[in-house]
Amino acid sequence: MEQVQIHPQTVKALVALLTPSETAKVLGVKEDTLTVWRCQKRYDLPYVKVGRNVRYKAEDVAEFIERQTIAGQ
């Protein structure tokens, strides 16, 4: 059997995939809210589709939170 080489960044990305339920908990919203955001393209929160499964990269969720942060005056 031939051994397959996988780039370390690819492995890191695979390990850091969050389910919609996990993502909703991190963001403090309902899972249904994420569904609406995806369908209406309401927010720029990238997601990954594998078949019918939706996943969010932890890095993308962290960047989304940073973009939504409003600095105090």
N, C-alpha and C. Protein backbone atom coordinates (compact mmCIF):
# COMPACT_ATOMS: atom_id res chain seq x y z
N MET A 1 0.85 -1.18 0.00
CA MET A 1 0.00 0.00 0.00
C MET A 1 0.89 1.24 0.00
N GLU A 2 0.57 2.18 -0.87
CA GLU A 2 1.35 3.41 -0.99
C GLU A 2 0.96 4.40 0.10
N GLN A 3 1.96 5.02 0.71
CA GLN A 3 1.71 5.99 1.76
C GLN A 3 1.45 7.36 1.14
N VAL A 4 0.45 8.05 1.63
CA VAL A 4 0.08 9.36 1.11
C VAL A 4 0.66 10.43 2.01
N GLN A 5 1.27 11.43 1.40
CA GLN A 5 1.82 12.56 2.15
C GLN A 5 0.78 13.68 2.21
N ILE A 6 0.53 14.17 3.39
CA ILE A 6 -0.43 15.26 3.58
C ILE A 6 0.32 16.44 4.18
N HIS A 7 0.11 17.60 3.60
CA HIS A 7 0.76 18.82 4.07
C HIS A 7 0.30 19.12 5.50
N PRO A 8 1.21 19.52 6.39
CA PRO A 8 0.84 19.82 7.79
C PRO A 8 -0.28 20.84 7.93
N GLN A 9 -0.33 21.85 7.06
CA GLN A 9 -1.40 22.84 7.13
C GLN A 9 -2.76 22.21 6.85
N THR A 10 -2.79 21.23 5.96
CA THR A 10 -4.04 20.53 5.64
C THR A 10 -4.53 19.77 6.86
N VAL A 11 -3.63 19.09 7.52
CA VAL A 11 -3.98 18.33 8.73
C VAL A 11 -4.51 19.28 9.79
N LYS A 12 -3.84 20.41 9.97
CA LYS A 12 -4.27 21.40 10.96
C LYS A 12 -5.68 21.89 10.66
N ALA A 13 -5.96 22.17 9.40
CA ALA A 13 -7.29 22.64 9.01
C ALA A 13 -8.35 21.57 9.26
N LEU A 14 -8.02 20.32 8.98
CA LEU A 14 -8.98 19.24 9.20
C LEU A 14 -9.30 19.06 10.67
N VAL A 15 -8.31 19.19 11.50
CA VAL A 15 -8.52 19.02 12.94
C VAL A 15 -9.35 20.17 13.50
N ALA A 16 -9.23 21.35 12.89
CA ALA A 16 -9.87 22.54 13.43
C ALA A 16 -11.24 22.82 12.82
N LEU A 17 -11.94 21.80 12.33
CA LEU A 17 -13.29 22.00 11.80
C LEU A 17 -14.32 21.90 12.90
N LEU A 18 -15.20 22.87 12.96
CA LEU A 18 -16.26 22.91 13.98
C LEU A 18 -17.61 22.60 13.35
N THR A 19 -18.44 21.91 14.10
CA THR A 19 -19.81 21.66 13.65
C THR A 19 -20.62 22.96 13.80
N PRO A 20 -21.77 23.04 13.14
CA PRO A 20 -22.62 24.22 13.37
C PRO A 20 -23.01 24.40 14.84
N SER A 21 -23.23 23.30 15.53
CA SER A 21 -23.58 23.38 16.95
C SER A 21 -22.44 23.99 17.76
N GLU A 22 -21.22 23.54 17.50
CA GLU A 22 -20.05 24.08 18.21
C GLU A 22 -19.84 25.55 17.86
N THR A 23 -20.01 25.88 16.59
CA THR A 23 -19.82 27.26 16.15
C THR A 23 -20.86 28.17 16.78
N ALA A 24 -22.09 27.71 16.84
CA ALA A 24 -23.16 28.50 17.46
C ALA A 24 -22.84 28.78 18.93
N LYS A 25 -22.33 27.79 19.63
CA LYS A 25 -21.98 27.99 21.04
C LYS A 25 -20.87 29.01 21.19
N VAL A 26 -19.87 28.94 20.31
CA VAL A 26 -18.76 29.91 20.36
C VAL A 26 -19.27 31.32 20.13
N LEU A 27 -20.18 31.49 19.17
CA LEU A 27 -20.69 32.81 18.81
C LEU A 27 -21.84 33.28 19.70
N GLY A 28 -22.40 32.38 20.47
CA GLY A 28 -23.51 32.74 21.35
C GLY A 28 -24.82 32.96 20.61
N VAL A 29 -25.01 32.20 19.53
CA VAL A 29 -26.25 32.28 18.76
C VAL A 29 -26.84 30.88 18.63
N LYS A 30 -28.07 30.80 18.12
CA LYS A 30 -28.69 29.51 17.89
C LYS A 30 -28.16 28.92 16.59
N GLU A 31 -28.16 27.61 16.51
CA GLU A 31 -27.73 26.93 15.30
C GLU A 31 -28.59 27.35 14.10
N ASP A 32 -29.88 27.58 14.35
CA ASP A 32 -30.78 28.04 13.28
C ASP A 32 -30.34 29.40 12.73
N THR A 33 -29.76 30.23 13.59
CA THR A 33 -29.27 31.54 13.15
C THR A 33 -28.15 31.37 12.12
N LEU A 34 -27.26 30.41 12.37
CA LEU A 34 -26.18 30.14 11.41
C LEU A 34 -26.76 29.68 10.07
N THR A 35 -27.81 28.89 10.13
CA THR A 35 -28.46 28.42 8.90
C THR A 35 -28.99 29.61 8.11
N VAL A 36 -29.64 30.54 8.78
CA VAL A 36 -30.18 31.73 8.12
C VAL A 36 -29.03 32.55 7.53
N TRP A 37 -27.95 32.74 8.29
CA TRP A 37 -26.81 33.50 7.79
C TRP A 37 -26.25 32.87 6.51
N ARG A 38 -26.16 31.53 6.50
CA ARG A 38 -25.64 30.84 5.31
C ARG A 38 -26.57 31.03 4.12
N CYS A 39 -27.85 30.81 4.34
CA CYS A 39 -28.82 30.85 3.24
C CYS A 39 -28.99 32.26 2.67
N GLN A 40 -28.97 33.26 3.55
CA GLN A 40 -29.18 34.64 3.11
C GLN A 40 -27.87 35.37 2.84
N LYS A 41 -26.74 34.68 3.08
CA LYS A 41 -25.42 35.30 2.93
C LYS A 41 -25.37 36.62 3.70
N ARG A 42 -25.92 36.58 4.89
CA ARG A 42 -26.05 37.78 5.70
C ARG A 42 -24.72 38.27 6.24
N TYR A 43 -23.86 37.35 6.64
CA TYR A 43 -22.54 37.69 7.16
C TYR A 43 -21.49 36.92 6.38
N ASP A 44 -20.31 37.47 6.33
CA ASP A 44 -19.19 36.82 5.65
C ASP A 44 -18.51 35.84 6.61
N LEU A 45 -19.17 34.70 6.83
CA LEU A 45 -18.63 33.64 7.67
C LEU A 45 -18.47 32.40 6.79
N PRO A 46 -17.25 32.17 6.28
CA PRO A 46 -17.04 31.04 5.38
C PRO A 46 -17.36 29.70 6.05
N TYR A 47 -17.80 28.76 5.24
CA TYR A 47 -18.07 27.41 5.74
C TYR A 47 -17.66 26.40 4.70
N VAL A 48 -17.54 25.15 5.14
CA VAL A 48 -17.12 24.06 4.28
C VAL A 48 -18.29 23.08 4.18
N LYS A 49 -18.59 22.64 2.95
CA LYS A 49 -19.63 21.64 2.76
C LYS A 49 -18.97 20.33 2.33
N VAL A 50 -19.29 19.28 3.04
CA VAL A 50 -18.85 17.93 2.67
C VAL A 50 -20.12 17.11 2.57
N GLY A 51 -20.59 16.92 1.35
CA GLY A 51 -21.90 16.29 1.18
C GLY A 51 -22.94 17.23 1.74
N ARG A 52 -23.74 16.73 2.67
CA ARG A 52 -24.74 17.57 3.33
C ARG A 52 -24.23 18.20 4.61
N ASN A 53 -23.04 17.81 5.02
CA ASN A 53 -22.48 18.31 6.28
C ASN A 53 -21.84 19.68 6.11
N VAL A 54 -22.14 20.56 7.05
CA VAL A 54 -21.55 21.90 7.08
C VAL A 54 -20.56 21.94 8.23
N ARG A 55 -19.40 22.51 7.96
CA ARG A 55 -18.37 22.68 8.99
C ARG A 55 -17.78 24.07 8.86
N TYR A 56 -17.28 24.58 9.97
CA TYR A 56 -16.64 25.89 10.00
C TYR A 56 -15.20 25.71 10.47
N LYS A 57 -14.27 26.36 9.77
CA LYS A 57 -12.88 26.33 10.22
C LYS A 57 -12.78 27.22 11.45
N ALA A 58 -12.14 26.71 12.49
CA ALA A 58 -11.99 27.47 13.73
C ALA A 58 -11.30 28.81 13.45
N GLU A 59 -10.34 28.80 12.55
CA GLU A 59 -9.62 30.03 12.19
C GLU A 59 -10.57 31.05 11.57
N ASP A 60 -11.49 30.60 10.71
CA ASP A 60 -12.45 31.51 10.10
C ASP A 60 -13.41 32.10 11.13
N VAL A 61 -13.80 31.28 12.11
CA VAL A 61 -14.69 31.76 13.17
C VAL A 61 -13.98 32.83 14.00
N ALA A 62 -12.72 32.59 14.33
CA ALA A 62 -11.94 33.56 15.10
C ALA A 62 -11.80 34.88 14.32
N GLU A 63 -11.53 34.79 13.02
CA GLU A 63 -11.42 35.99 12.19
C GLU A 63 -12.75 36.73 12.09
N PHE A 64 -13.85 35.97 12.01
CA PHE A 64 -15.19 36.57 11.98
C PHE A 64 -15.44 37.37 13.26
N ILE A 65 -15.06 36.81 14.38
CA ILE A 65 -15.24 37.50 15.67
C ILE A 65 -14.43 38.79 15.68
N GLU A 66 -13.22 38.74 15.18
CA GLU A 66 -12.37 39.94 15.11
C GLU A 66 -13.00 41.01 14.23
N ARG A 67 -13.55 40.61 13.10
CA ARG A 67 -14.19 41.58 12.18
C ARG A 67 -15.44 42.20 12.80
N GLN A 68 -16.10 41.47 13.68
CA GLN A 68 -17.33 41.96 14.29
C GLN A 68 -17.07 42.81 15.54
N THR A 69 -15.82 42.82 15.98
CA THR A 69 -15.47 43.56 17.19
C THR A 69 -15.43 45.05 16.90
N ILE A 70 -16.14 45.82 17.72
CA ILE A 70 -16.19 47.27 17.55
C ILE A 70 -15.40 47.89 18.70
N ALA A 71 -14.39 48.66 18.34
CA ALA A 71 -13.53 49.29 19.35
C ALA A 71 -14.28 50.42 20.04
N GLY A 72 -14.02 50.56 21.33
CA GLY A 72 -14.63 51.65 22.11
C GLY A 72 -14.02 52.99 21.75
N GLN A 73 -14.77 54.02 22.00
CA GLN A 73 -14.30 55.38 21.69
C GLN A 73 -13.38 55.89 22.76
